[in-house]
């Protein structure tokens, strides 16, 4: 009985390896997107209208973070 289970386990691991190999080969056929890193103006460079004062919300932001007065002392 244990020999049958061992043979079944070996058979299943071989089948799994075959399926994984098929998946890898099928995924390698896909077209990959390339990133265009060229510099230049965007295609739509028409002038944009400035927002009116009613479009800009009244926002109060936090003050900028102050730098520490200690040099680089960890305590």
Protein backbone atom coordinates (compact mmCIF):
# COMPACT_ATOMS: atom_id res chain seq x y z
CA UNK A 1 0.00 0.00 0.00
CA UNK A 2 2.77 2.45 0.86
CA UNK A 3 4.55 1.58 -2.40
CA UNK A 4 1.41 2.50 -4.36
CA UNK A 5 1.19 5.85 -2.56
CA UNK A 6 4.88 6.51 -3.24
CA UNK A 7 4.47 5.76 -6.95
CA UNK A 8 1.37 7.93 -7.06
CA UNK A 9 3.27 10.77 -5.39
CA UNK A 10 6.14 10.49 -7.87
CA UNK A 11 3.71 10.45 -10.79
CA UNK A 12 1.89 13.52 -9.50
CA UNK A 13 5.11 15.46 -8.95
CA UNK A 14 6.17 14.68 -12.53
CA UNK A 15 2.79 15.83 -13.85
CA UNK A 16 3.04 19.00 -11.78
CA UNK A 17 6.49 19.71 -13.19
CA UNK A 18 5.16 19.24 -16.73
CA UNK A 19 2.23 21.58 -16.11
CA UNK A 20 4.54 24.22 -14.63
CA UNK A 21 6.83 23.95 -17.66
CA UNK A 22 3.85 24.38 -19.99
CA UNK A 23 2.70 27.47 -18.07
CA UNK A 24 6.14 29.06 -18.23
CA UNK A 25 6.43 28.42 -21.95
CA UNK A 26 2.95 29.82 -22.65
CA UNK A 27 3.66 32.96 -20.62
CA UNK A 28 6.92 33.62 -22.45
CA UNK A 29 5.03 33.96 -25.76
CA UNK A 30 3.12 37.03 -24.54
CA UNK A 31 4.09 40.46 -25.81
CA UNK A 32 5.69 42.50 -23.06
CA UNK A 33 5.10 46.23 -22.73
CA UNK A 34 8.16 48.38 -23.27
CA UNK A 35 8.61 51.65 -21.47
CA UNK A 36 9.44 54.55 -23.77
CA UNK A 37 12.00 56.69 -21.98
CA UNK A 38 12.41 59.32 -24.69
CA UNK A 39 12.43 62.97 -23.70
CA UNK A 40 10.18 65.49 -25.35
CA UNK A 41 6.97 67.44 -25.17
CA UNK A 42 3.70 65.63 -24.57
CA UNK A 43 1.43 65.22 -27.57
CA UNK A 44 -1.23 67.51 -26.05
CA UNK A 45 0.59 70.79 -25.37
CA UNK A 46 -2.33 73.13 -25.93
CA UNK A 47 -2.70 75.97 -23.41
CA UNK A 48 -4.76 75.03 -20.36
CA UNK A 49 -7.12 77.56 -18.77
CA UNK A 50 -6.10 78.78 -15.32
CA UNK A 51 -8.50 77.77 -12.54
CA UNK A 52 -10.61 80.55 -11.12
CA UNK A 53 -10.36 81.49 -7.47
CA UNK A 54 -13.56 79.58 -6.68
CA UNK A 55 -12.00 76.35 -8.00
CA UNK A 56 -9.09 76.44 -5.53
CA UNK A 57 -10.22 75.26 -2.08
CA UNK A 58 -9.16 77.02 1.10
CA UNK A 59 -6.58 74.69 2.58
CA UNK A 60 -4.48 75.19 5.66
CA UNK A 61 -1.39 73.02 5.49
CA UNK A 62 0.95 72.03 8.28
CA UNK A 63 4.16 74.03 8.71
CA UNK A 64 7.30 72.53 7.22
CA UNK A 65 9.08 69.99 9.39
CA UNK A 66 11.81 71.56 11.48
CA UNK A 67 15.25 70.04 11.51
CA UNK A 68 16.62 68.70 14.75
CA UNK A 69 19.02 70.89 16.70
CA UNK A 70 21.16 67.95 17.81
CA UNK A 71 23.86 66.72 15.48
CA UNK A 72 23.47 63.00 14.97
CA UNK A 73 23.03 61.77 18.50
CA UNK A 74 20.82 58.70 18.68
CA UNK A 75 19.50 59.31 22.22
